[in-house]
């Protein structure tokens, strides 16, 4: 089995598993309880908040634990939109956001909001200028992802944040693919909200967080109502063992940019040396992501047909109809080009094995 789909999900880090095992044994009480075991569980929750907040330049009270980035996106976008609709009902996002964000925005359109979907450059980037040009007197919220989940393209979040600051507009970013991989400072980036999932960087599924600026006093409409947990912003008993997993993944995950860049360059050079023709769909992506077209039909068939090579495909076949990725078509690829495209995401030298497989079978 060859796993090259780390942007979709990562295995839980061994050290994180150890820490979570201990947490399941010692932090099983309700963190809201006032007895000794409840206080122990609450200490684990507070330690996680403090560590994560320090990493992004936030206050611990601004970290709201969720089931993952999907819920954090819902809380951030719906919550801020509904709470601020008296000030305006226009939202700016992009045509290449995660499906979750697009579906949230489409839902809000049914509730009377208007949404502008910005088109990316041919490299999958949303520019600050595009955001600025889309702002109207009715704009209350901008939501642009930091790193695109298909291309690995990196949008200039800090510049976009500056535009939002100048126009007094709330700014949210889906940082599921950038947290722990790129530097994030929520103050420098003028973020009012941000979304993260633990399983993207060696943590468990089912836990993530939303950063909500000034969470104690901000105007935000809850998506999940409960019994007063987390400042009444997100109800539900806090899963302290999962929160420990998120905390420790944040602490233990290593993203060695230079090492990954070397692996990337070596892989592309090896393809060239073997005479395997290809084209990159995004030239300047996060270093451990390669969205690539293989121009030889045989190579595309190998990657499409093998169940033992785990990669993300640029198109899906349903009812005999090939449906290309909306992200790839947004940057100008045809259906055929999308069909030949694959997203390779990696953390080791498994790419060399892929070259051997392709070379032997072709």
Protein backbone atom coordinates (compact mmCIF):
# COMPACT_ATOMS: atom_id res chain seq x y z
CA UNK A 1 0.00 0.00 0.00
CA UNK A 2 1.35 3.40 -1.03
CA UNK A 3 -0.20 6.34 0.84
CA UNK A 4 0.15 9.72 -0.84
CA UNK A 5 -3.00 11.42 0.45
CA UNK A 6 -1.85 13.24 3.58
CA UNK A 7 -3.88 16.34 2.75
CA UNK A 8 -7.02 14.23 3.12
CA UNK A 9 -5.94 12.82 6.48
CA UNK A 10 -2.83 11.85 8.40
CA UNK A 11 -2.18 8.88 10.69
CA UNK A 12 -2.20 9.74 14.38
CA UNK A 13 1.36 10.35 15.57
CA UNK A 14 2.70 7.60 17.88
CA UNK A 15 3.44 10.04 20.71
CA UNK A 16 -0.08 11.44 20.39
CA UNK A 17 -1.55 7.95 20.71
CA UNK A 18 0.40 7.44 23.93
CA UNK A 19 -0.79 10.75 25.37
CA UNK A 20 -4.39 10.06 24.36
CA UNK A 21 -4.32 6.57 25.88
CA UNK A 22 -3.27 8.10 29.19
CA UNK A 23 -5.93 10.81 28.85
CA UNK A 24 -8.69 8.26 28.26
CA UNK A 25 -7.64 6.59 31.50
CA UNK A 26 -7.22 9.72 33.64
CA UNK A 27 -9.40 12.41 31.99
CA UNK A 28 -12.66 10.56 31.49
CA UNK A 29 -14.65 12.81 33.83
CA UNK A 30 -16.78 15.72 32.63
CA UNK A 31 -14.52 18.81 32.53
CA UNK A 32 -17.45 20.90 33.79
CA UNK A 33 -17.69 18.86 37.01
CA UNK A 34 -16.31 20.41 40.19
CA UNK A 35 -14.97 17.21 41.79
CA UNK A 36 -11.31 16.22 41.60
CA UNK A 37 -11.57 14.10 38.44
CA UNK A 38 -13.55 16.82 36.71
CA UNK A 39 -10.90 19.35 37.65
CA UNK A 40 -8.22 17.03 36.24
CA UNK A 41 -10.06 16.83 32.93
CA UNK A 42 -10.54 20.60 32.92
CA UNK A 43 -6.82 21.13 33.50
CA UNK A 44 -6.12 19.14 30.30
CA UNK A 45 -8.60 21.30 28.39
CA UNK A 46 -7.09 24.53 29.68
CA UNK A 47 -3.54 23.34 28.93
CA UNK A 48 -4.57 22.67 25.33
CA UNK A 49 -6.18 26.09 24.99
CA UNK A 50 -3.09 27.82 26.31
CA UNK A 51 -0.70 25.93 24.04
CA UNK A 52 -2.76 26.44 20.88
CA UNK A 53 -3.46 30.09 21.67
CA UNK A 54 0.23 30.78 22.19
CA UNK A 55 1.04 29.20 18.83
CA UNK A 56 -1.22 31.57 16.89
CA UNK A 57 -0.92 34.72 19.01
CA UNK A 58 -4.39 34.45 20.55
CA UNK A 59 -5.87 34.37 24.06
CA UNK A 60 -6.87 30.96 25.49
CA UNK A 61 -10.46 32.20 25.80
CA UNK A 62 -10.54 32.68 22.02
CA UNK A 63 -10.06 28.96 21.32
CA UNK A 64 -13.40 27.19 20.90
CA UNK A 65 -13.17 23.41 20.52
CA UNK A 66 -15.31 21.82 17.80
CA UNK A 67 -15.66 18.44 16.12
CA UNK A 68 -13.36 19.62 13.33
CA UNK A 69 -12.92 22.30 10.69
CA UNK A 70 -16.33 21.67 9.11
CA UNK A 71 -18.08 22.60 12.33
CA UNK A 72 -15.62 25.44 12.93
CA UNK A 73 -16.42 26.82 9.47
CA UNK A 74 -20.14 26.62 10.22
CA UNK A 75 -19.69 28.35 13.56
CA UNK A 76 -17.45 31.05 12.14
CA UNK A 77 -19.31 31.90 8.94
CA UNK A 78 -22.92 31.33 9.98
CA UNK A 79 -22.30 32.64 13.47
CA UNK A 80 -20.68 35.90 12.35
CA UNK A 81 -23.10 36.38 9.44
CA UNK A 82 -26.26 36.00 11.51
CA UNK A 83 -24.92 38.05 14.40
CA UNK A 84 -23.96 40.96 12.10
CA UNK A 85 -26.75 40.90 9.52
CA UNK A 86 -28.13 44.20 10.78
CA UNK A 87 -24.90 45.81 9.50
CA UNK A 88 -25.05 44.20 6.06
CA UNK A 89 -25.80 40.95 4.24
CA UNK A 90 -22.99 40.63 1.70
CA UNK A 91 -20.28 37.97 2.02
CA UNK A 92 -17.15 37.50 -0.08
CA UNK A 93 -15.59 34.07 -0.56
CA UNK A 94 -13.92 32.22 -3.44
CA UNK A 95 -15.00 29.69 -6.02
CA UNK A 96 -12.30 27.26 -4.84
CA UNK A 97 -13.09 27.10 -1.13
CA UNK A 98 -13.63 23.72 0.51
CA UNK A 99 -17.06 22.30 -0.37
CA UNK A 100 -18.07 22.86 3.23
CA UNK A 101 -17.63 26.63 2.93
CA UNK A 102 -19.38 26.76 -0.44
CA UNK A 103 -22.35 24.85 0.96
CA UNK A 104 -22.51 27.17 3.98
CA UNK A 105 -22.56 30.19 1.70
CA UNK A 106 -25.24 28.65 -0.51
CA UNK A 107 -27.33 28.04 2.61
CA UNK A 108 -26.89 31.67 3.67
CA UNK A 109 -28.07 32.77 0.24
CA UNK A 110 -31.39 31.06 1.00
CA UNK A 111 -31.58 33.20 4.14
CA UNK A 112 -31.31 36.51 2.32
CA UNK A 113 -27.54 36.99 2.17
CA UNK A 114 -25.74 37.72 -1.09
CA UNK A 115 -22.40 36.04 -1.79
CA UNK A 116 -19.63 36.97 -4.22
CA UNK A 117 -17.53 33.98 -5.32
CA UNK A 118 -14.13 35.27 -6.42
CA UNK A 119 -12.32 33.49 -9.23
CA UNK A 120 -8.71 32.43 -8.59
CA UNK A 121 -5.66 33.09 -10.71
CA UNK A 122 -4.55 30.22 -12.93
CA UNK A 123 -2.31 29.19 -10.02
CA UNK A 124 -5.22 28.92 -7.60
CA UNK A 125 -4.55 32.12 -5.65
CA UNK A 126 -7.12 34.62 -4.40
CA UNK A 127 -5.52 38.05 -4.47
CA UNK A 128 -6.06 40.89 -2.02
CA UNK A 129 -6.91 43.11 -4.98
CA UNK A 130 -9.74 40.79 -6.00
CA UNK A 131 -11.14 40.96 -2.48
CA UNK A 132 -10.84 44.74 -2.39
CA UNK A 133 -12.62 45.13 -5.72
CA UNK A 134 -15.52 42.97 -4.54
CA UNK A 135 -16.25 44.95 -1.36
CA UNK A 136 -19.52 46.89 -1.23
CA UNK A 137 -21.17 49.05 1.42
CA UNK A 138 -23.10 45.94 2.46
CA UNK A 139 -20.09 43.62 2.95
CA UNK A 140 -19.79 42.22 6.50
CA UNK A 141 -17.62 39.12 6.08
CA UNK A 142 -14.80 37.74 3.93
CA UNK A 143 -13.89 34.02 4.04
CA UNK A 144 -10.78 32.94 2.11
CA UNK A 145 -8.86 29.73 2.83
CA UNK A 146 -5.15 29.94 3.61
CA UNK A 147 -3.98 26.86 1.67
CA UNK A 148 -6.19 25.29 -0.98
CA UNK A 149 -6.98 21.66 -0.19
CA UNK A 150 -6.60 20.45 -3.79
CA UNK A 151 -3.83 22.56 -5.26
CA UNK A 152 -1.83 23.43 -2.16
CA UNK A 153 -1.81 27.03 -3.42
CA UNK A 154 -1.17 29.65 -0.74
CA UNK A 155 -3.28 32.79 -0.79
CA UNK A 156 -1.89 36.02 0.72
CA UNK A 157 -3.96 35.91 3.89
CA UNK A 158 -2.07 38.72 5.59
CA UNK A 159 -2.66 41.08 2.65
CA UNK A 160 -6.32 40.12 2.51
CA UNK A 161 -6.53 40.75 6.25
CA UNK A 162 -5.13 44.24 5.74
CA UNK A 163 -7.82 44.99 3.16
CA UNK A 164 -10.52 43.78 5.56
CA UNK A 165 -9.05 45.88 8.37
CA UNK A 166 -9.05 49.01 6.19
CA UNK A 167 -12.75 48.47 5.40
CA UNK A 168 -13.81 47.32 8.90
CA UNK A 169 -14.91 43.90 7.61
CA UNK A 170 -14.70 40.62 9.51
CA UNK A 171 -12.23 38.12 8.06
CA UNK A 172 -12.38 34.33 8.42
CA UNK A 173 -9.92 31.79 7.04
CA UNK A 174 -10.15 28.02 6.76
CA UNK A 175 -6.68 27.05 7.96
CA UNK A 176 -7.20 23.29 7.98
CA UNK A 177 -4.31 22.77 5.53
CA UNK A 178 -1.94 25.44 6.88
CA UNK A 179 -2.05 25.15 10.67
CA UNK A 180 1.25 23.70 11.94
CA UNK A 181 2.70 23.97 8.42
CA UNK A 182 2.87 27.72 7.88
CA UNK A 183 3.32 30.56 10.38
CA UNK A 184 0.01 31.95 11.57
CA UNK A 185 -0.44 35.07 13.68
CA UNK A 186 -4.11 35.95 14.02
CA UNK A 187 -3.33 39.56 14.95
CA UNK A 188 -0.98 40.20 12.00
CA UNK A 189 -3.49 38.52 9.68
CA UNK A 190 -6.43 40.47 11.17
CA UNK A 191 -8.43 37.28 11.56
CA UNK A 192 -11.79 37.48 13.28
CA UNK A 193 -12.13 33.70 13.00
CA UNK A 194 -10.17 30.67 11.83
CA UNK A 195 -10.93 26.95 11.45
CA UNK A 196 -8.70 23.92 12.12
CA UNK A 197 -8.97 20.08 12.17
CA UNK A 198 -6.59 17.88 14.19
CA UNK A 199 -6.47 14.97 11.73
CA UNK A 200 -4.67 17.11 9.15
CA UNK A 201 -1.48 17.17 11.25
CA UNK A 202 -1.19 13.90 13.15
CA UNK A 203 -4.10 14.26 15.55
CA UNK A 204 -7.33 12.29 15.89
CA UNK A 205 -10.48 12.75 13.84
CA UNK A 206 -13.46 14.31 15.52
CA UNK A 207 -11.72 17.28 17.11
CA UNK A 208 -10.66 20.72 15.94
CA UNK A 209 -11.12 24.30 16.94
CA UNK A 210 -12.35 27.69 15.88
CA UNK A 211 -10.39 30.77 16.81
CA UNK A 212 -12.93 33.48 17.55
CA UNK A 213 -11.54 36.95 18.20
CA UNK A 214 -12.72 38.47 21.50
CA UNK A 215 -14.85 35.38 22.13
CA UNK A 216 -15.94 36.62 25.56
CA UNK A 217 -17.58 39.74 24.15
CA UNK A 218 -17.97 39.24 20.39
CA UNK A 219 -21.26 38.97 18.58
CA UNK A 220 -21.60 35.43 17.27
CA UNK A 221 -24.61 33.18 16.89
CA UNK A 222 -24.05 29.63 18.21
CA UNK A 223 -24.58 26.75 15.81
CA UNK A 224 -24.81 24.16 18.61
CA UNK A 225 -26.69 25.24 21.72
CA UNK A 226 -25.92 23.46 24.96
CA UNK A 227 -25.61 23.91 28.69
CA UNK A 228 -23.33 26.91 28.74
CA UNK A 229 -20.01 25.30 27.81
CA UNK A 230 -17.35 27.38 26.04
CA UNK A 231 -18.89 30.79 26.75
CA UNK A 232 -22.24 29.60 25.33
CA UNK A 233 -20.62 29.72 21.87
CA UNK A 234 -20.49 25.94 21.38
CA UNK A 235 -22.48 23.61 23.60
CA UNK A 236 -21.66 20.02 24.48
CA UNK A 237 -19.49 18.13 26.96
CA UNK A 238 -15.85 18.74 26.08
CA UNK A 239 -14.05 15.52 24.96
CA UNK A 240 -10.90 16.05 27.01
CA UNK A 241 -9.00 12.98 25.65
CA UNK A 242 -9.57 14.18 22.06
CA UNK A 243 -8.60 17.70 23.06
CA UNK A 244 -5.39 16.26 24.51
CA UNK A 245 -4.80 14.60 21.13
CA UNK A 246 -5.24 17.94 19.38
CA UNK A 247 -2.91 19.61 21.89
CA UNK A 248 -0.16 17.02 21.55
CA UNK A 249 -0.43 16.84 17.75
CA UNK A 250 0.07 20.60 17.68
CA UNK A 251 3.12 20.12 19.89
CA UNK A 252 4.68 17.07 18.22
CA UNK A 253 3.91 17.56 14.53
CA UNK A 254 6.99 18.56 12.54
CA UNK A 255 6.86 20.16 9.11
CA UNK A 256 10.40 20.24 7.77
CA UNK A 257 10.09 22.63 4.84
CA UNK A 258 13.61 22.15 3.47
CA UNK A 259 13.48 18.35 3.70
CA UNK A 260 10.09 18.20 2.00
CA UNK A 261 11.22 20.62 -0.70
CA UNK A 262 14.17 18.33 -1.45
CA UNK A 263 11.87 15.31 -1.71
CA UNK A 264 9.62 17.27 -4.06
CA UNK A 265 12.48 18.38 -6.32
CA UNK A 266 14.01 14.89 -6.40
CA UNK A 267 10.66 13.37 -7.40
CA UNK A 268 10.13 15.78 -10.29
CA UNK A 269 13.72 15.31 -11.45
CA UNK A 270 13.28 11.53 -11.31
CA UNK A 271 10.15 11.73 -13.44
CA UNK A 272 12.07 13.75 -16.03
CA UNK A 273 14.99 11.31 -16.00
CA UNK A 274 12.58 8.44 -16.68
CA UNK A 275 10.99 10.31 -19.58
CA UNK A 276 7.61 10.54 -17.85
CA UNK A 277 5.87 13.62 -19.20
CA UNK A 278 3.91 15.78 -16.78
CA UNK A 279 2.65 19.28 -16.09
CA UNK A 280 2.20 20.92 -12.68
CA UNK A 281 -1.19 22.51 -12.12
CA UNK A 282 0.23 24.73 -9.38
CA UNK A 283 3.87 25.79 -9.49
CA UNK A 284 4.19 27.39 -6.03
CA UNK A 285 2.26 25.21 -3.63
CA UNK A 286 2.78 24.06 -0.08
CA UNK A 287 5.97 22.00 -0.44
CA UNK A 288 4.41 18.62 0.42
CA UNK A 289 1.66 18.96 -2.21
CA UNK A 290 2.00 18.25 -5.92
CA UNK A 291 -1.05 18.63 -8.14
CA UNK A 292 0.14 17.11 -11.37
CA UNK A 293 -1.08 16.13 -14.82
CA UNK A 294 0.45 12.99 -16.31
CA UNK A 295 0.39 13.39 -20.08
CA UNK A 296 0.86 9.67 -20.79
CA UNK A 297 -2.53 7.92 -20.75
CA UNK A 298 -0.93 4.77 -19.32
CA UNK A 299 0.30 6.60 -16.24
CA UNK A 300 -3.12 8.13 -15.62
CA UNK A 301 -4.73 4.71 -15.90
CA UNK A 302 -2.28 3.19 -13.41
CA UNK A 303 -3.09 5.81 -10.79
CA UNK A 304 -6.82 5.75 -11.51
CA UNK A 305 -7.24 1.98 -11.44
CA UNK A 306 -4.96 0.89 -8.59
CA UNK A 307 -6.56 0.50 -5.15
CA UNK A 308 -3.11 0.16 -3.60
CA UNK A 309 -1.94 3.64 -4.62
CA UNK A 310 -3.75 6.13 -2.39
CA UNK A 311 -3.91 9.48 -4.19
CA UNK A 312 -6.60 12.08 -4.78
CA UNK A 313 -7.95 12.20 -8.33
CA UNK A 314 -8.84 15.33 -10.26
CA UNK A 315 -12.11 13.91 -11.54
CA UNK A 316 -14.79 11.47 -10.50
CA UNK A 317 -16.87 9.15 -12.66
CA UNK A 318 -20.57 8.89 -11.91
CA UNK A 319 -23.22 7.32 -14.18
CA UNK A 320 -20.66 7.14 -17.00
CA UNK A 321 -20.11 10.89 -16.78
CA UNK A 322 -16.71 12.26 -15.85
CA UNK A 323 -17.07 15.14 -13.41
CA UNK A 324 -13.93 17.24 -13.10
CA UNK A 325 -12.91 18.93 -9.86
CA UNK A 326 -14.51 22.36 -9.57
CA UNK A 327 -11.17 23.67 -8.30
CA UNK A 328 -9.32 22.49 -11.40
CA UNK A 329 -11.93 23.86 -13.79
CA UNK A 330 -11.84 27.18 -11.89
CA UNK A 331 -8.16 27.57 -12.77
CA UNK A 332 -8.87 26.81 -16.44
CA UNK A 333 -8.35 23.06 -16.85
CA UNK A 334 -10.49 21.13 -19.30
CA UNK A 335 -12.34 17.95 -18.39
CA UNK A 336 -9.60 15.90 -20.03
CA UNK A 337 -6.82 17.76 -18.21
CA UNK A 338 -8.64 17.30 -14.90
CA UNK A 339 -9.04 13.58 -15.62
CA UNK A 340 -5.27 13.25 -15.99
CA UNK A 341 -4.62 15.22 -12.78
CA UNK A 342 -3.73 13.84 -9.38
CA UNK A 343 -2.96 15.38 -6.00
CA UNK A 344 0.09 13.82 -4.36
CA UNK A 345 0.60 14.82 -0.73
CA UNK A 346 3.47 13.31 1.22
CA UNK A 347 5.76 13.41 4.26
CA UNK A 348 8.44 10.91 3.26
CA UNK A 349 10.20 9.54 0.19
CA UNK A 350 7.34 7.26 -0.88
CA UNK A 351 7.22 9.26 -4.10
CA UNK A 352 10.26 7.32 -5.29
CA UNK A 353 8.23 4.12 -5.02
CA UNK A 354 5.55 5.72 -7.18
CA UNK A 355 8.10 6.46 -9.90
CA UNK A 356 9.27 2.83 -9.83
CA UNK A 357 5.69 1.59 -10.18
CA UNK A 358 4.97 3.93 -13.07
CA UNK A 359 8.25 3.11 -14.83
CA UNK A 360 7.84 -0.66 -14.51
CA UNK A 361 4.24 -0.70 -15.71
CA UNK A 362 4.88 1.63 -18.64
